[in-house]
Amino acid sequence: MTKKKKAPTSWDVARLAGVSRSTVSFVLNNTPGIKISEETRRRVLEAVKILDYKPNAIARSLAKQKTEAIAFFVLDIANPVFPNMARGIEDVARHNGYTLLLCNTDGKSLRELRYMNLMLERRVDGVIVGALSNEEVSRLARKKNMPLVILEHPRLPEHDVVYADNIQGSYEAVKYLIELGHTR
């Protein structure tokens, strides 16, 4: 069996570029307020390319205290509402530098709670719940200071909630149809 090749580290990039590991970090993170010459920047980026270096997301999240990941719990991914919702959430998350983790609960409250515990262990930066079925998820998020947004659940004032006002929406729809001259 062949030995698996070790992934290059920021130390390897620094060695190849002839700079310190801090300089590699400053270049790759575009650290504001740190002046790096164009020649040094070029050498670091060239070393990254030669080594095919990929920053370690786990190490980065430990240093930044952010995982840049958000979880979205859906009740049932086969429900036609949720794929469109997931698409919109993922588009906004990606635009803001976040990865979206999709968790299908199948409407099972115990699975929802397990996912919440897993997301707490993984230190995701926040959770969006498509349809809350387990109130313990809400209590756990509050206890652990996990940002939580709940969709379609207007009775939880301690969390951010997004929901449609179906009564007002129905009123507006009927009013509009009447204005168009429809009588039935």
C-alpha atoms as a PDB file:
ATOM      1  CA  MET A   1       0.000   0.000   0.000  1.00  0.00           C
ATOM      2  CA  THR A   2       1.348   3.438  -0.910  1.00  0.00           C
ATOM      3  CA  LYS A   3       1.890   5.982   1.796  1.00  0.00           C
ATOM      4  CA  LYS A   4      -0.543   8.902   1.654  1.00  0.00           C
ATOM      5  CA  LYS A   5       1.220  12.153   0.793  1.00  0.00           C
ATOM      6  CA  LYS A   6       0.979  14.743   3.560  1.00  0.00           C
ATOM      7  CA  ALA A   7      -0.867  17.925   2.632  1.00  0.00           C
ATOM      8  CA  PRO A   8       1.386  20.990   2.465  1.00  0.00           C
ATOM      9  CA  THR A   9       1.235  23.377   5.420  1.00  0.00           C
ATOM     10  CA  SER A  10       1.682  27.119   5.767  1.00  0.00           C
ATOM     11  CA  TRP A  11       5.202  26.301   7.040  1.00  0.00           C
ATOM     12  CA  ASP A  12       5.936  24.648   3.678  1.00  0.00           C
ATOM     13  CA  VAL A  13       4.646  27.720   1.821  1.00  0.00           C
ATOM     14  CA  ALA A  14       6.778  30.009   4.019  1.00  0.00           C
ATOM     15  CA  ARG A  15       9.890  27.884   3.466  1.00  0.00           C
ATOM     16  CA  LEU A  16       9.428  27.809  -0.327  1.00  0.00           C
ATOM     17  CA  ALA A  17       8.661  31.552  -0.524  1.00  0.00           C
ATOM     18  CA  GLY A  18      11.523  32.455   1.831  1.00  0.00           C
ATOM     19  CA  VAL A  19       9.261  34.317   4.260  1.00  0.00           C
ATOM     20  CA  SER A  20       7.860  33.851   7.760  1.00  0.00           C
ATOM     21  CA  ARG A  21       4.693  31.912   8.450  1.00  0.00           C
ATOM     22  CA  SER A  22       3.119  35.185   9.646  1.00  0.00           C
ATOM     23  CA  THR A  23       3.786  36.737   6.257  1.00  0.00           C
ATOM     24  CA  VAL A  24       2.045  33.796   4.570  1.00  0.00           C
ATOM     25  CA  SER A  25      -0.940  34.346   6.864  1.00  0.00           C
ATOM     26  CA  PHE A  26      -1.004  38.097   6.185  1.00  0.00           C
ATOM     27  CA  VAL A  27      -0.922  37.531   2.420  1.00  0.00           C
ATOM     28  CA  LEU A  28      -3.565  34.788   2.343  1.00  0.00           C
ATOM     29  CA  ASN A  29      -5.914  36.661   4.675  1.00  0.00           C
ATOM     30  CA  ASN A  30      -5.323  40.081   3.076  1.00  0.00           C
ATOM     31  CA  THR A  31      -4.790  41.380   6.601  1.00  0.00           C
ATOM     32  CA  PRO A  32      -5.698  45.077   6.705  1.00  0.00           C
ATOM     33  CA  GLY A  33      -3.033  47.480   7.930  1.00  0.00           C
ATOM     34  CA  ILE A  34      -0.133  45.125   7.133  1.00  0.00           C
ATOM     35  CA  LYS A  35       2.145  46.278   4.326  1.00  0.00           C
ATOM     36  CA  ILE A  36       3.493  43.453   2.166  1.00  0.00           C
ATOM     37  CA  SER A  37       5.586  44.240  -0.906  1.00  0.00           C
ATOM     38  CA  GLU A  38       4.231  43.075  -4.250  1.00  0.00           C
ATOM     39  CA  GLU A  39       7.346  40.910  -4.735  1.00  0.00           C
ATOM     40  CA  THR A  40       6.786  39.126  -1.412  1.00  0.00           C
ATOM     41  CA  ARG A  41       3.082  38.708  -2.151  1.00  0.00           C
ATOM     42  CA  ARG A  42       3.945  37.237  -5.558  1.00  0.00           C
ATOM     43  CA  ARG A  43       6.423  34.743  -4.025  1.00  0.00           C
ATOM     44  CA  VAL A  44       3.881  33.600  -1.431  1.00  0.00           C
ATOM     45  CA  LEU A  45       1.111  33.153  -4.000  1.00  0.00           C
ATOM     46  CA  GLU A  46       3.489  31.324  -6.337  1.00  0.00           C
ATOM     47  CA  ALA A  47       4.486  28.947  -3.513  1.00  0.00           C
ATOM     48  CA  VAL A  48       0.794  28.359  -2.754  1.00  0.00           C
ATOM     49  CA  LYS A  49       0.236  27.454  -6.396  1.00  0.00           C
ATOM     50  CA  ILE A  50       3.294  25.201  -6.701  1.00  0.00           C
ATOM     51  CA  LEU A  51       2.438  23.303  -3.514  1.00  0.00           C
ATOM     52  CA  ASP A  52      -1.309  23.318  -4.252  1.00  0.00           C
ATOM     53  CA  TYR A  53      -1.699  24.575  -0.691  1.00  0.00           C
ATOM     54  CA  LYS A  54      -5.202  24.685   0.793  1.00  0.00           C
ATOM     55  CA  PRO A  55      -5.620  26.412   4.168  1.00  0.00           C
ATOM     56  CA  ASN A  56      -6.785  24.123   6.970  1.00  0.00           C
ATOM     57  CA  ALA A  57     -10.385  25.183   7.634  1.00  0.00           C
ATOM     58  CA  ILE A  58     -10.361  23.642  11.111  1.00  0.00           C
ATOM     59  CA  ALA A  59      -7.220  25.503  12.170  1.00  0.00           C
ATOM     60  CA  ARG A  60      -8.562  28.713  10.658  1.00  0.00           C
ATOM     61  CA  SER A  61     -11.882  28.380  12.507  1.00  0.00           C
ATOM     62  CA  LEU A  62     -10.042  27.794  15.790  1.00  0.00           C
ATOM     63  CA  ALA A  63      -7.952  30.917  15.295  1.00  0.00           C
ATOM     64  CA  LYS A  64     -10.867  33.086  14.150  1.00  0.00           C
ATOM     65  CA  GLN A  65     -13.451  31.538  16.505  1.00  0.00           C
ATOM     66  CA  LYS A  66     -15.727  31.300  13.446  1.00  0.00           C
ATOM     67  CA  THR A  67     -16.462  28.305  11.245  1.00  0.00           C
ATOM     68  CA  GLU A  68     -18.063  30.355   8.477  1.00  0.00           C
ATOM     69  CA  ALA A  69     -20.762  27.674   8.340  1.00  0.00           C
ATOM     70  CA  ILE A  70     -24.507  27.944   8.884  1.00  0.00           C
ATOM     71  CA  ALA A  71     -26.867  24.994   9.254  1.00  0.00           C
ATOM     72  CA  PHE A  72     -30.349  24.854   7.746  1.00  0.00           C
ATOM     73  CA  PHE A  73     -32.717  22.281   9.245  1.00  0.00           C
ATOM     74  CA  VAL A  74     -35.509  21.346   6.845  1.00  0.00           C
ATOM     75  CA  LEU A  75     -38.599  19.386   7.771  1.00  0.00           C
ATOM     76  CA  ASP A  76     -38.638  17.415   4.520  1.00  0.00           C
ATOM     77  CA  ILE A  77     -36.316  18.131   1.611  1.00  0.00           C
ATOM     78  CA  ALA A  78     -38.873  16.528  -0.745  1.00  0.00           C
ATOM     79  CA  ASN A  79     -41.402  19.251   0.152  1.00  0.00           C
ATOM     80  CA  PRO A  80     -41.341  21.639  -2.850  1.00  0.00           C
ATOM     81  CA  VAL A  81     -41.022  24.696  -0.584  1.00  0.00           C
ATOM     82  CA  PHE A  82     -37.697  23.744   1.000  1.00  0.00           C
ATOM     83  CA  PRO A  83     -35.408  23.374  -2.059  1.00  0.00           C
ATOM     84  CA  ASN A  84     -36.230  26.932  -3.157  1.00  0.00           C
ATOM     85  CA  MET A  85     -35.760  28.175   0.387  1.00  0.00           C
ATOM     86  CA  ALA A  86     -32.434  26.312   0.664  1.00  0.00           C
ATOM     87  CA  ARG A  87     -31.316  27.785  -2.653  1.00  0.00           C
ATOM     88  CA  GLY A  88     -32.031  31.335  -1.508  1.00  0.00           C
ATOM     89  CA  ILE A  89     -30.370  30.831   1.864  1.00  0.00           C
ATOM     90  CA  GLU A  90     -27.323  29.205   0.255  1.00  0.00           C
ATOM     91  CA  ASP A  91     -26.983  32.042  -2.281  1.00  0.00           C
ATOM     92  CA  VAL A  92     -26.948  34.665   0.488  1.00  0.00           C
ATOM     93  CA  ALA A  93     -24.681  32.567   2.728  1.00  0.00           C
ATOM     94  CA  ARG A  94     -22.150  31.981  -0.076  1.00  0.00           C
ATOM     95  CA  HIS A  95     -22.206  35.669  -1.037  1.00  0.00           C
ATOM     96  CA  ASN A  96     -21.250  36.463   2.572  1.00  0.00           C
ATOM     97  CA  GLY A  97     -18.474  33.856   2.797  1.00  0.00           C
ATOM     98  CA  TYR A  98     -20.442  31.118   4.554  1.00  0.00           C
ATOM     99  CA  THR A  99     -21.030  27.471   3.729  1.00  0.00           C
ATOM    100  CA  LEU A 100     -24.529  26.080   4.185  1.00  0.00           C
ATOM    101  CA  LEU A 101     -24.962  22.698   5.862  1.00  0.00           C
ATOM    102  CA  LEU A 102     -28.307  21.100   5.014  1.00  0.00           C
ATOM    103  CA  CYS A 103     -29.914  18.855   7.643  1.00  0.00           C
ATOM    104  CA  ASN A 104     -33.090  16.953   6.711  1.00  0.00           C
ATOM    105  CA  THR A 105     -35.064  16.206   9.899  1.00  0.00           C
ATOM    106  CA  ASP A 106     -37.946  14.319   8.248  1.00  0.00           C
ATOM    107  CA  GLY A 107     -40.165  16.036  10.808  1.00  0.00           C
ATOM    108  CA  LYS A 108     -38.640  13.985  13.630  1.00  0.00           C
ATOM    109  CA  SER A 109     -38.099  16.099  16.737  1.00  0.00           C
ATOM    110  CA  LEU A 110     -35.413  13.778  18.128  1.00  0.00           C
ATOM    111  CA  ARG A 111     -33.438  14.050  14.874  1.00  0.00           C
ATOM    112  CA  GLU A 112     -33.784  17.836  15.018  1.00  0.00           C
ATOM    113  CA  LEU A 113     -32.336  17.804  18.541  1.00  0.00           C
ATOM    114  CA  ARG A 114     -29.477  15.503  17.471  1.00  0.00           C
ATOM    115  CA  TYR A 115     -28.644  17.852  14.604  1.00  0.00           C
ATOM    116  CA  MET A 116     -28.658  20.804  17.003  1.00  0.00           C
ATOM    117  CA  ASN A 117     -26.233  19.041  19.334  1.00  0.00           C
ATOM    118  CA  LEU A 118     -24.025  18.143  16.359  1.00  0.00           C
ATOM    119  CA  MET A 119     -24.018  21.764  15.145  1.00  0.00           C
ATOM    120  CA  LEU A 120     -23.079  22.927  18.651  1.00  0.00           C
ATOM    121  CA  GLU A 121     -20.193  20.422  18.664  1.00  0.00           C
ATOM    122  CA  ARG A 122     -19.076  21.621  15.241  1.00  0.00           C
ATOM    123  CA  ARG A 123     -19.333  25.240  16.388  1.00  0.00           C
ATOM    124  CA  VAL A 124     -21.323  26.424  13.382  1.00  0.00           C
ATOM    125  CA  ASP A 125     -21.944  30.154  13.411  1.00  0.00           C
ATOM    126  CA  GLY A 126     -25.734  29.861  13.374  1.00  0.00           C
ATOM    127  CA  VAL A 127     -28.737  27.667  12.656  1.00  0.00           C
ATOM    128  CA  ILE A 128     -31.843  28.318  10.580  1.00  0.00           C
ATOM    129  CA  VAL A 129     -34.750  25.994  11.328  1.00  0.00           C
ATOM    130  CA  GLY A 130     -37.297  25.580   8.522  1.00  0.00           C
ATOM    131  CA  ALA A 131     -40.070  24.382  10.822  1.00  0.00           C
ATOM    132  CA  LEU A 132     -39.317  23.889  14.504  1.00  0.00           C
ATOM    133  CA  SER A 133     -40.709  20.622  15.863  1.00  0.00           C
ATOM    134  CA  ASN A 134     -38.697  20.390  19.093  1.00  0.00           C
ATOM    135  CA  GLU A 135     -38.845  23.284  21.569  1.00  0.00           C
ATOM    136  CA  GLU A 136     -35.713  21.871  23.252  1.00  0.00           C
ATOM    137  CA  VAL A 137     -33.757  23.066  20.188  1.00  0.00           C
ATOM    138  CA  SER A 138     -34.803  26.624  21.028  1.00  0.00           C
ATOM    139  CA  ARG A 139     -33.857  26.259  24.710  1.00  0.00           C
ATOM    140  CA  LEU A 140     -30.503  24.684  23.829  1.00  0.00           C
ATOM    141  CA  ALA A 141     -29.658  27.460  21.360  1.00  0.00           C
ATOM    142  CA  ARG A 142     -30.457  30.092  23.981  1.00  0.00           C
ATOM    143  CA  LYS A 143     -28.426  28.288  26.658  1.00  0.00           C
ATOM    144  CA  LYS A 144     -25.372  27.911  24.378  1.00  0.00           C
ATOM    145  CA  ASN A 145     -25.689  31.380  22.775  1.00  0.00           C
ATOM    146  CA  MET A 146     -26.156  29.834  19.336  1.00  0.00           C
ATOM    147  CA  PRO A 147     -27.735  32.299  16.902  1.00  0.00           C
ATOM    148  CA  LEU A 148     -31.018  30.731  15.788  1.00  0.00           C
ATOM    149  CA  VAL A 149     -33.534  31.887  13.185  1.00  0.00           C
ATOM    150  CA  ILE A 150     -36.846  30.074  13.062  1.00  0.00           C
ATOM    151  CA  LEU A 151     -39.045  30.129   9.972  1.00  0.00           C
ATOM    152  CA  GLU A 152     -42.825  29.974  10.229  1.00  0.00           C
ATOM    153  CA  HIS A 153     -43.043  29.913  14.038  1.00  0.00           C
ATOM    154  CA  PRO A 154     -44.289  33.310  15.275  1.00  0.00           C
ATOM    155  CA  ARG A 155     -44.614  32.380  18.968  1.00  0.00           C
ATOM    156  CA  LEU A 156     -40.938  32.432  20.006  1.00  0.00           C
ATOM    157  CA  PRO A 157     -40.054  36.057  20.805  1.00  0.00           C
ATOM    158  CA  GLU A 158     -36.643  35.115  22.264  1.00  0.00           C
ATOM    159  CA  HIS A 159     -35.364  34.185  18.771  1.00  0.00           C
ATOM    160  CA  ASP A 160     -35.353  35.824  15.377  1.00  0.00           C
ATOM    161  CA  VAL A 161     -38.396  34.544  13.526  1.00  0.00           C
ATOM    162  CA  VAL A 162     -39.425  34.843   9.881  1.00  0.00           C
ATOM    163  CA  TYR A 163     -42.989  34.022   8.972  1.00  0.00           C
ATOM    164  CA  ALA A 164     -45.627  34.918   6.433  1.00  0.00           C
ATOM    165  CA  ASP A 165     -48.770  36.665   7.581  1.00  0.00           C
ATOM    166  CA  ASN A 166     -51.171  34.353   5.742  1.00  0.00           C
ATOM    167  CA  ILE A 167     -54.290  36.216   6.891  1.00  0.00           C
ATOM    168  CA  GLN A 168     -53.048  39.570   5.614  1.00  0.00           C
ATOM    169  CA  GLY A 169     -51.682  37.904   2.482  1.00  0.00           C
ATOM    170  CA  SER A 170     -55.052  36.302   1.741  1.00  0.00           C
ATOM    171  CA  TYR A 171     -56.796  39.624   2.308  1.00  0.00           C
ATOM    172  CA  GLU A 172     -54.413  41.399  -0.104  1.00  0.00           C
ATOM    173  CA  ALA A 173     -54.846  38.677  -2.755  1.00  0.00           C
ATOM    174  CA  VAL A 174     -58.664  38.811  -2.625  1.00  0.00           C
ATOM    175  CA  LYS A 175     -58.654  42.615  -2.623  1.00  0.00           C
ATOM    176  CA  TYR A 176     -56.403  42.620  -5.703  1.00  0.00           C
ATOM    177  CA  LEU A 177     -58.644  40.158  -7.568  1.00  0.00           C
ATOM    178  CA  ILE A 178     -61.727  42.278  -6.778  1.00  0.00           C
ATOM    179  CA  GLU A 179     -59.908  45.400  -8.039  1.00  0.00           C
ATOM    180  CA  LEU A 180     -59.280  43.529 -11.301  1.00  0.00           C
ATOM    181  CA  GLY A 181     -63.030  43.022 -11.622  1.00  0.00           C
ATOM    182  CA  HIS A 182     -63.251  39.359 -10.641  1.00  0.00           C
ATOM    183  CA  THR A 183     -66.460  38.465  -8.839  1.00  0.00           C
ATOM    184  CA  ARG A 184     -66.022  34.735  -8.250  1.00  0.00           C
END
